[in-house]
Amino acid sequence: MPSTSAPSPGDSSPTRRRFLATTGTALAVGTAGCTDLRERYFPRTHRSDADLSGPDGPWPTLGHDARRTGSTPATGPGRDARLARRHGSNHHPNRQAVVGADVLLFTVRRWVEREGGEPFSGVVAVDREGSERWRLRTRPDMGVPTVIGRTVFVEDTDGTRAVDAETGDVRWRYRSGYGFPHVSPAVRDGRVYVGGRRFLALDAVTGERLWRTAEEMPAVQTCAAGDGVVVVSNGYNENGGGLFCLDAADGSVRWESSVRTVHQPAAVGDDACYAVDDEGSLHAVSLADGAVLWSRRGVSTNHASQYEQPVLADGRVVVGRWDGPLTAYDSATGETAWTAGPADERHHVPVVADDGIYAVTREGTVSETGFDGAERWRRTVDVTVTAPPSLADGTLYLGGRTGGDVDEWAGGFYRFG
């Protein structure tokens, strides 16, 4: 079970004693050692403060909000909506798009724009018409960005960056050490919660470390932030339970759950959080003490179960199953409330809107289902959908590709609305 350590001078200005001690070591180990020690004792690079002012946008992070509920007060598209390509690439986006106040963000891995060109991995920012504004090169393993005001927070295996949403300029950077930033940093109440060798809380404006866990936790893959708590997903059984809860103020451990490995963020409700483990079981876990309130086995039965992410909808926990229909469970009891959509297609994580639940399958089926489970309409689009949808301004944004064989693939960023 992890413990925490408070901020130390090593974050930005080490003590004279520590500095003199490291100087001798650095001279002995050479250039590589200098780099390692500099990143250890000077992990933060600060060029300017991040600007958090202004609206965040209609879909500013993975799962819409820091709690990862997948739920928005906006309304979705109608049955007559059309699919339009907004930005092309020869490598299809495979993570949820983020919609800020006036910028759209998607991620690509090893994108080769022209024959013989250098592969690009990173974040691409475009305006609402699809014209590119800027791009930020990252490591191939990166998370979904998070927009807060005029700042975009990006995490990859090197650490976390605060980026100007208008220009793409890096405001600050914190090198947290290798981790599994496969999803997205959670930002809430002026704090950025990220993984790495240790789990960290950073000041969102300055990038200064506020606290970190004392023990190394390299298998922490992602998190969700609720009211005063951070629920962390643990991707390795040897590190303890699949979920544990930290106090957002100081990082102290409130509880550790006994559920198996969890790779995706939990959806955090008022009294419980909900997550799918690597064996395909859906669990409801009490936010008060980590007790498992109920479990449902067989929510997913294939190798993709580790990527299932539940969303919350009007007293229901909804799962877009990779090997079955869209399924809603009663959030209090775990009983199946209803199923909808095709049972033989692969569902992405659905979107919960004010007027209904929007589901998209990899095979290109788009549908709207009411909160009672009644399907209102179903459409098929001529694209293989490669990323879960996000919703803004009555439009679903998604990544996809056309073409059958690999040599024929043409990827892109699409809008359905």
Protein backbone atom coordinates (compact mmCIF):
# COMPACT_ATOMS: atom_id res chain seq x y z
CA MET A 1 0.00 0.00 0.00
CA PRO A 2 1.55 3.30 -1.00
CA SER A 3 2.44 6.05 1.40
CA THR A 4 3.01 9.67 0.48
CA SER A 5 5.75 12.22 0.78
CA ALA A 6 5.28 15.97 0.93
CA PRO A 7 6.98 18.34 -1.50
CA SER A 8 10.71 18.48 -1.10
CA PRO A 9 13.24 21.09 -2.18
CA GLY A 10 14.38 18.60 -4.78
CA ASP A 11 11.47 19.54 -7.02
CA SER A 12 12.84 22.92 -7.99
CA SER A 13 15.68 24.06 -5.72
CA PRO A 14 17.68 21.30 -3.95
CA THR A 15 19.50 22.07 -0.72
CA ARG A 16 23.20 22.94 -0.85
CA ARG A 17 24.07 19.65 0.85
CA ARG A 18 22.08 17.64 -1.68
CA PHE A 19 23.49 19.64 -4.55
CA LEU A 20 27.10 19.11 -3.46
CA ALA A 21 26.45 15.41 -2.96
CA THR A 22 24.99 14.98 -6.41
CA THR A 23 27.77 17.03 -8.04
CA GLY A 24 30.41 14.49 -7.10
CA THR A 25 28.27 11.61 -8.30
CA ALA A 26 27.49 13.33 -11.58
CA LEU A 27 31.17 13.95 -12.34
CA ALA A 28 31.82 10.28 -11.81
CA VAL A 29 29.10 8.92 -14.07
CA GLY A 30 29.52 11.30 -17.02
CA THR A 31 27.02 12.89 -19.32
CA ALA A 32 24.35 10.19 -19.04
CA GLY A 33 24.57 10.32 -15.29
CA CYS A 34 24.27 14.11 -15.33
CA THR A 35 21.07 13.82 -17.29
CA ASP A 36 19.63 11.22 -14.92
CA LEU A 37 20.49 13.25 -11.84
CA ARG A 38 19.23 16.48 -13.33
CA GLU A 39 15.86 14.90 -14.06
CA ARG A 40 15.78 13.37 -10.60
CA TYR A 41 16.55 16.54 -8.67
CA PHE A 42 15.25 19.08 -11.18
CA PRO A 43 12.22 17.29 -12.67
CA ARG A 44 10.32 20.51 -13.38
CA THR A 45 11.00 22.87 -16.26
CA HIS A 46 9.05 26.11 -15.89
CA ARG A 47 8.86 28.66 -18.70
CA SER A 48 5.66 30.41 -17.66
CA ASP A 49 2.53 29.78 -15.66
CA ALA A 50 -0.37 27.95 -17.30
CA ASP A 51 -3.50 30.00 -17.96
CA LEU A 52 -6.55 28.19 -16.59
CA SER A 53 -9.00 31.02 -17.28
CA GLY A 54 -11.87 30.74 -19.73
CA PRO A 55 -14.25 27.89 -20.57
CA ASP A 56 -12.90 24.35 -20.75
CA GLY A 57 -15.07 23.36 -23.70
CA PRO A 58 -17.91 20.88 -24.23
CA TRP A 59 -15.79 17.69 -24.02
CA PRO A 60 -12.48 18.68 -22.40
CA THR A 61 -11.09 15.32 -21.28
CA LEU A 62 -11.44 11.58 -21.49
CA GLY A 63 -14.94 10.63 -20.37
CA HIS A 64 -16.04 14.29 -20.46
CA ASP A 65 -14.99 15.15 -16.88
CA ALA A 66 -12.43 14.29 -14.23
CA ARG A 67 -14.88 11.77 -12.72
CA ARG A 68 -14.94 9.94 -16.11
CA THR A 69 -18.73 9.74 -16.12
CA GLY A 70 -19.04 9.93 -19.92
CA SER A 71 -22.07 12.13 -19.34
CA THR A 72 -22.74 15.62 -20.72
CA PRO A 73 -25.71 18.01 -20.45
CA ALA A 74 -25.51 18.59 -24.21
CA THR A 75 -27.83 16.99 -26.77
CA GLY A 76 -26.71 14.68 -29.54
CA PRO A 77 -27.26 14.37 -33.29
CA GLY A 78 -30.51 13.30 -34.94
CA ARG A 79 -31.22 10.37 -37.22
CA ASP A 80 -30.53 12.53 -40.31
CA ALA A 81 -26.97 13.45 -39.28
CA ARG A 82 -24.20 13.08 -41.85
CA LEU A 83 -20.61 11.90 -41.60
CA ALA A 84 -17.90 14.34 -42.71
CA ARG A 85 -14.14 14.08 -42.59
CA ARG A 86 -12.49 16.92 -40.69
CA HIS A 87 -8.79 16.07 -40.86
CA GLY A 88 -6.96 13.36 -42.76
CA SER A 89 -4.02 11.18 -41.87
CA ASN A 90 -2.65 7.87 -43.06
CA HIS A 91 -2.75 6.62 -39.49
CA HIS A 92 -6.14 6.47 -37.85
CA PRO A 93 -6.68 8.11 -34.42
CA ASN A 94 -7.41 5.43 -31.84
CA ARG A 95 -8.24 7.47 -28.74
CA GLN A 96 -11.16 9.68 -27.84
CA ALA A 97 -11.03 13.19 -29.30
CA VAL A 98 -11.10 16.18 -26.95
CA VAL A 99 -13.21 19.25 -27.73
CA GLY A 100 -12.09 22.49 -26.08
CA ALA A 101 -13.75 25.89 -26.33
CA ASP A 102 -12.37 26.54 -29.82
CA VAL A 103 -9.95 23.69 -30.51
CA LEU A 104 -10.25 19.97 -31.27
CA LEU A 105 -7.47 17.63 -30.18
CA PHE A 106 -6.68 14.09 -31.23
CA THR A 107 -3.67 11.82 -30.83
CA VAL A 108 -1.82 9.67 -33.35
CA ARG A 109 0.98 7.12 -33.04
CA ARG A 110 3.73 6.68 -35.63
CA TRP A 111 1.94 8.71 -38.29
CA VAL A 112 3.99 8.88 -41.52
CA GLU A 113 2.65 11.77 -43.59
CA ARG A 114 4.74 11.12 -46.68
CA GLU A 115 6.78 8.21 -47.99
CA GLY A 116 10.17 8.15 -46.33
CA GLY A 117 9.12 10.73 -43.75
CA GLU A 118 9.79 10.51 -40.03
CA PRO A 119 6.94 8.91 -38.07
CA PHE A 120 5.05 11.36 -35.88
CA SER A 121 3.52 10.50 -32.53
CA GLY A 122 1.74 13.17 -30.58
CA VAL A 123 -1.16 15.57 -30.28
CA VAL A 124 -2.71 17.35 -33.27
CA ALA A 125 -4.81 20.49 -32.65
CA VAL A 126 -7.31 21.66 -35.28
CA ASP A 127 -10.06 24.26 -35.37
CA ARG A 128 -13.74 23.40 -35.77
CA GLU A 129 -13.36 23.35 -39.56
CA GLY A 130 -10.47 20.89 -39.40
CA SER A 131 -7.60 23.29 -40.22
CA GLU A 132 -4.49 22.39 -38.28
CA ARG A 133 -3.28 24.86 -35.66
CA TRP A 134 -0.34 23.07 -34.12
CA ARG A 135 1.03 19.71 -33.20
CA LEU A 136 3.10 18.51 -30.26
CA ARG A 137 5.49 15.61 -30.64
CA THR A 138 5.40 13.10 -27.78
CA ARG A 139 6.46 9.55 -27.06
CA PRO A 140 4.30 6.96 -28.88
CA ASP A 141 2.66 6.00 -25.58
CA MET A 142 0.61 9.03 -24.62
CA GLY A 143 -2.66 9.83 -22.93
CA VAL A 144 -5.77 11.64 -24.09
CA PRO A 145 -5.19 15.38 -23.51
CA THR A 146 -7.16 17.42 -20.99
CA VAL A 147 -8.21 21.04 -21.61
CA ILE A 148 -8.62 23.47 -18.72
CA GLY A 149 -9.27 27.04 -19.84
CA ARG A 150 -6.49 28.11 -22.20
CA THR A 151 -4.21 25.19 -21.34
CA VAL A 152 -3.89 21.63 -22.63
CA PHE A 153 -2.36 19.03 -20.31
CA VAL A 154 -0.53 16.19 -22.08
CA GLU A 155 1.00 13.09 -20.51
CA ASP A 156 3.34 10.56 -22.09
CA THR A 157 5.97 8.17 -20.79
CA ASP A 158 8.36 11.08 -20.20
CA GLY A 159 6.04 13.06 -17.98
CA THR A 160 3.43 15.82 -18.07
CA ARG A 161 3.32 19.07 -20.04
CA ALA A 162 1.12 22.16 -19.82
CA VAL A 163 0.65 23.53 -23.34
CA ASP A 164 -0.86 26.78 -24.57
CA ALA A 165 -4.12 25.82 -26.31
CA GLU A 166 -3.77 28.57 -28.91
CA THR A 167 -0.11 28.19 -29.93
CA GLY A 168 1.04 24.78 -28.72
CA ASP A 169 3.89 26.34 -26.74
CA VAL A 170 4.95 24.39 -23.65
CA ARG A 171 4.44 26.39 -20.45
CA TRP A 172 5.88 23.87 -18.03
CA ARG A 173 6.96 20.26 -17.92
CA TYR A 174 7.32 17.76 -15.11
CA ARG A 175 9.33 14.57 -15.72
CA SER A 176 7.62 12.01 -13.54
CA GLY A 177 9.53 8.95 -14.72
CA TYR A 178 8.33 6.02 -16.76
CA GLY A 179 4.77 4.94 -16.21
CA PHE A 180 1.72 3.87 -18.20
CA PRO A 181 -0.04 7.11 -19.22
CA HIS A 182 -2.38 5.26 -21.58
CA VAL A 183 -5.38 7.38 -20.81
CA SER A 184 -5.51 10.94 -19.53
CA PRO A 185 -4.37 13.17 -16.68
CA ALA A 186 -7.20 14.09 -14.34
CA VAL A 187 -7.36 17.81 -13.56
CA ARG A 188 -9.62 19.13 -10.83
CA ASP A 189 -9.58 22.10 -8.44
CA GLY A 190 -6.30 23.41 -9.79
CA ARG A 191 -4.44 20.11 -9.46
CA VAL A 192 -3.14 17.68 -12.06
CA TYR A 193 -3.14 14.01 -11.04
CA VAL A 194 -0.76 11.81 -13.04
CA GLY A 195 1.09 8.52 -12.89
CA GLY A 196 4.75 7.71 -13.33
CA ARG A 197 7.26 5.93 -11.13
CA ARG A 198 5.16 7.38 -8.32
CA PHE A 199 1.67 8.82 -8.38
CA LEU A 200 1.76 12.63 -8.28
CA ALA A 201 -0.33 15.73 -7.71
CA LEU A 202 0.99 18.82 -9.49
CA ASP A 203 -0.04 22.45 -9.28
CA ALA A 204 -1.86 23.02 -12.57
CA VAL A 205 -0.62 26.62 -12.90
CA THR A 206 3.06 26.22 -12.04
CA GLY A 207 3.77 22.49 -12.42
CA GLU A 208 5.20 22.28 -8.91
CA ARG A 209 4.81 18.98 -7.12
CA LEU A 210 2.26 19.11 -4.31
CA TRP A 211 2.64 15.51 -3.16
CA ARG A 212 3.66 12.09 -4.39
CA THR A 213 3.47 8.52 -3.17
CA ALA A 214 6.66 7.39 -1.46
CA GLU A 215 6.60 3.91 -3.00
CA GLU A 216 7.18 3.36 -6.69
CA MET A 217 3.93 2.55 -8.48
CA PRO A 218 4.83 2.08 -12.17
CA ALA A 219 1.71 0.00 -12.86
CA VAL A 220 -0.68 2.86 -12.05
CA GLN A 221 -2.30 3.38 -15.42
CA THR A 222 -4.90 6.08 -14.96
CA CYS A 223 -7.21 7.76 -12.49
CA ALA A 224 -10.46 9.63 -11.91
CA ALA A 225 -10.90 12.56 -9.54
CA GLY A 226 -14.04 13.14 -7.50
CA ASP A 227 -14.96 15.38 -4.60
CA GLY A 228 -11.85 15.28 -2.43
CA VAL A 229 -10.71 11.87 -3.70
CA VAL A 230 -8.62 10.36 -6.48
CA VAL A 231 -9.52 6.82 -7.54
CA VAL A 232 -6.49 5.16 -9.12
CA SER A 233 -6.52 2.14 -11.44
CA ASN A 234 -3.79 -0.41 -10.82
CA GLY A 235 -2.69 -2.46 -13.83
CA TYR A 236 -0.59 -5.09 -12.03
CA ASN A 237 -1.89 -7.54 -9.45
CA GLU A 238 1.43 -7.74 -7.59
CA ASN A 239 1.07 -4.05 -6.64
CA GLY A 240 -2.11 -4.67 -4.62
CA GLY A 241 -5.78 -4.30 -5.45
CA GLY A 242 -7.14 -3.14 -8.78
CA LEU A 243 -8.41 0.16 -7.34
CA PHE A 244 -7.30 2.35 -4.50
CA CYS A 245 -8.43 5.72 -3.30
CA LEU A 246 -6.20 8.62 -2.31
CA ASP A 247 -7.08 11.76 -0.41
CA ALA A 248 -6.84 14.58 -2.97
CA ALA A 249 -5.41 16.99 -0.41
CA ASP A 250 -2.28 15.06 0.61
CA GLY A 251 -2.24 11.73 -1.25
CA SER A 252 -2.80 9.61 1.84
CA VAL A 253 -4.48 6.27 1.16
CA ARG A 254 -8.12 6.08 2.17
CA TRP A 255 -8.68 2.51 1.02
CA GLU A 256 -7.47 -0.25 -1.27
CA SER A 257 -9.99 -2.47 -3.04
CA SER A 258 -9.67 -6.21 -3.51
CA VAL A 259 -10.88 -6.25 -7.12
CA ARG A 260 -8.54 -7.57 -9.78
CA THR A 261 -6.38 -5.54 -12.15
CA VAL A 262 -8.13 -2.51 -13.68
CA HIS A 263 -6.68 -0.82 -16.78
CA GLN A 264 -9.26 1.88 -17.49
CA PRO A 265 -10.44 4.68 -15.19
CA ALA A 266 -13.32 4.04 -12.85
CA ALA A 267 -16.48 6.10 -13.32
CA VAL A 268 -16.95 7.98 -10.06
CA GLY A 269 -20.50 8.58 -8.81
CA ASP A 270 -21.76 10.19 -5.63
CA ASP A 271 -21.32 7.20 -3.32
CA ALA A 272 -19.58 4.54 -5.41
CA CYS A 273 -17.21 4.09 -8.32
CA TYR A 274 -17.60 1.53 -11.11
CA ALA A 275 -14.90 -0.34 -13.04
CA VAL A 276 -14.36 -3.41 -15.23
CA ASP A 277 -11.44 -5.66 -14.30
CA ASP A 278 -9.17 -7.63 -16.62
CA GLU A 279 -11.40 -10.72 -16.38
CA GLY A 280 -14.44 -8.82 -17.63
CA SER A 281 -16.25 -8.35 -14.32
CA LEU A 282 -18.01 -5.08 -13.52
CA HIS A 283 -17.67 -3.90 -9.90
CA ALA A 284 -19.36 -1.25 -7.79
CA VAL A 285 -17.00 -0.10 -5.03
CA SER A 286 -17.96 2.12 -2.09
CA LEU A 287 -16.21 5.48 -2.04
CA ALA A 288 -16.48 5.51 1.74
CA ASP A 289 -14.40 2.42 2.53
CA GLY A 290 -13.58 0.50 -0.69
CA ALA A 291 -16.03 -2.32 0.01
CA VAL A 292 -17.28 -4.13 -3.08
CA LEU A 293 -21.02 -3.44 -3.17
CA TRP A 294 -21.78 -5.77 -6.07
CA SER A 295 -20.08 -7.50 -8.98
CA ARG A 296 -21.28 -8.80 -12.33
CA ARG A 297 -19.20 -11.46 -14.05
CA GLY A 298 -19.06 -11.90 -17.80
CA VAL A 299 -19.68 -8.27 -18.72
CA SER A 300 -16.96 -8.85 -21.30
CA THR A 301 -15.57 -12.24 -22.26
CA ASN A 302 -12.70 -11.63 -24.66
CA HIS A 303 -9.22 -10.14 -24.53
CA ALA A 304 -10.58 -6.59 -24.88
CA SER A 305 -12.17 -6.67 -21.40
CA GLN A 306 -9.23 -4.69 -20.03
CA TYR A 307 -10.28 -1.77 -22.22
CA GLU A 308 -13.94 -1.62 -21.15
CA GLN A 309 -14.87 1.68 -19.54
CA PRO A 310 -18.30 2.14 -17.89
CA VAL A 311 -20.27 5.40 -18.04
CA LEU A 312 -23.04 6.72 -15.80
CA ALA A 313 -26.59 7.47 -16.96
CA ASP A 314 -29.61 8.28 -14.77
CA GLY A 315 -29.18 5.56 -12.14
CA ARG A 316 -27.58 3.16 -14.62
CA VAL A 317 -24.05 1.98 -15.32
CA VAL A 318 -23.71 1.51 -19.07
CA VAL A 319 -21.02 -0.58 -20.74
CA GLY A 320 -20.30 -0.58 -24.46
CA ARG A 321 -19.32 -4.22 -24.76
CA TRP A 322 -16.66 -5.31 -27.22
CA ASP A 323 -18.39 -8.66 -27.75
CA GLY A 324 -22.07 -7.97 -27.14
CA PRO A 325 -24.83 -5.36 -27.07
CA LEU A 326 -24.82 -2.06 -25.24
CA THR A 327 -25.80 -3.04 -21.69
CA ALA A 328 -27.15 -1.02 -18.76
CA TYR A 329 -26.98 -2.20 -15.15
CA ASP A 330 -28.83 -0.81 -12.15
CA SER A 331 -26.23 1.24 -10.26
CA ALA A 332 -27.61 0.21 -6.86
CA THR A 333 -28.02 -3.55 -7.40
CA GLY A 334 -26.02 -4.53 -10.48
CA GLU A 335 -29.06 -6.13 -12.09
CA THR A 336 -29.32 -5.89 -15.87
CA ALA A 337 -31.71 -3.05 -16.73
CA TRP A 338 -31.70 -3.40 -20.52
CA THR A 339 -29.65 -4.19 -23.61
CA ALA A 340 -29.69 -2.39 -26.95
CA GLY A 341 -27.84 -2.20 -30.24
CA PRO A 342 -26.24 -4.94 -32.34
CA ALA A 343 -25.09 -7.98 -30.37
CA ASP A 344 -22.52 -9.10 -32.94
CA GLU A 345 -20.49 -5.88 -33.27
CA ARG A 346 -17.77 -4.26 -31.16
CA HIS A 347 -19.05 -1.28 -29.17
CA HIS A 348 -16.87 1.63 -28.22
CA VAL A 349 -17.41 3.49 -24.95
CA PRO A 350 -20.82 5.19 -25.33
CA VAL A 351 -21.71 8.84 -24.76
CA VAL A 352 -24.48 9.83 -22.34
CA ALA A 353 -26.23 13.04 -23.42
CA ASP A 354 -29.15 14.98 -22.03
CA ASP A 355 -31.52 13.45 -24.59
CA GLY A 356 -30.25 9.86 -24.74
CA ILE A 357 -27.31 7.46 -25.01
CA TYR A 358 -25.26 7.44 -28.21
CA ALA A 359 -23.44 4.26 -29.16
CA VAL A 360 -20.91 3.66 -31.94
CA THR A 361 -19.46 0.31 -33.02
CA ARG A 362 -16.17 -0.36 -34.74
CA GLU A 363 -18.14 -1.70 -37.69
CA GLY A 364 -19.75 1.72 -38.22
CA THR A 365 -23.17 1.43 -36.57
CA VAL A 366 -24.32 4.63 -34.86
CA SER A 367 -27.47 4.61 -32.71
CA GLU A 368 -29.41 6.54 -30.09
CA THR A 369 -31.07 4.73 -27.19
CA GLY A 370 -33.43 6.25 -24.63
CA PHE A 371 -32.79 5.97 -20.92
CA ASP A 372 -35.46 3.24 -20.83
CA GLY A 373 -33.44 1.09 -23.26
CA ALA A 374 -35.68 1.71 -26.27
CA GLU A 375 -33.67 2.23 -29.44
CA ARG A 376 -34.76 5.42 -31.21
CA TRP A 377 -32.76 5.13 -34.42
CA ARG A 378 -29.84 3.29 -35.98
CA ARG A 379 -27.56 4.29 -38.84
CA THR A 380 -24.57 2.79 -40.63
CA VAL A 381 -21.63 4.94 -41.72
CA ASP A 382 -19.09 3.91 -44.35
CA VAL A 383 -16.04 3.96 -42.10
CA THR A 384 -14.33 1.68 -39.63
CA VAL A 385 -14.55 3.56 -36.33
CA THR A 386 -11.22 3.32 -34.53
CA ALA A 387 -11.79 5.59 -31.51
CA PRO A 388 -14.63 6.16 -29.02
CA PRO A 389 -16.87 9.15 -29.74
CA SER A 390 -17.02 12.44 -27.90
CA LEU A 391 -19.96 14.86 -28.10
CA ALA A 392 -20.09 18.61 -28.65
CA ASP A 393 -22.55 21.01 -30.29
CA GLY A 394 -24.93 18.24 -31.31
CA THR A 395 -22.12 16.38 -33.07
CA LEU A 396 -20.24 13.13 -32.41
CA TYR A 397 -16.49 13.37 -33.05
CA LEU A 398 -14.60 10.15 -33.72
CA GLY A 399 -11.53 8.64 -35.28
CA GLY A 400 -11.84 6.23 -38.19
CA ARG A 401 -10.43 4.82 -41.39
CA THR A 402 -11.53 3.62 -44.78
CA GLY A 403 -10.10 0.83 -46.90
CA GLY A 404 -9.97 -2.91 -46.41
CA ASP A 405 -6.32 -3.96 -46.60
CA VAL A 406 -3.61 -2.18 -44.64
CA ASP A 407 -2.13 -0.72 -47.81
CA GLU A 408 -5.51 0.87 -48.59
CA TRP A 409 -6.15 2.41 -45.20
CA ALA A 410 -6.89 6.13 -45.10
CA GLY A 411 -7.35 7.41 -41.57
CA GLY A 412 -8.92 10.58 -40.32
CA PHE A 413 -10.85 12.56 -37.81
CA TYR A 414 -14.61 12.68 -38.47
CA ARG A 415 -17.75 14.46 -37.30
CA PHE A 416 -21.22 12.94 -37.32
CA GLY A 417 -23.81 15.66 -37.00
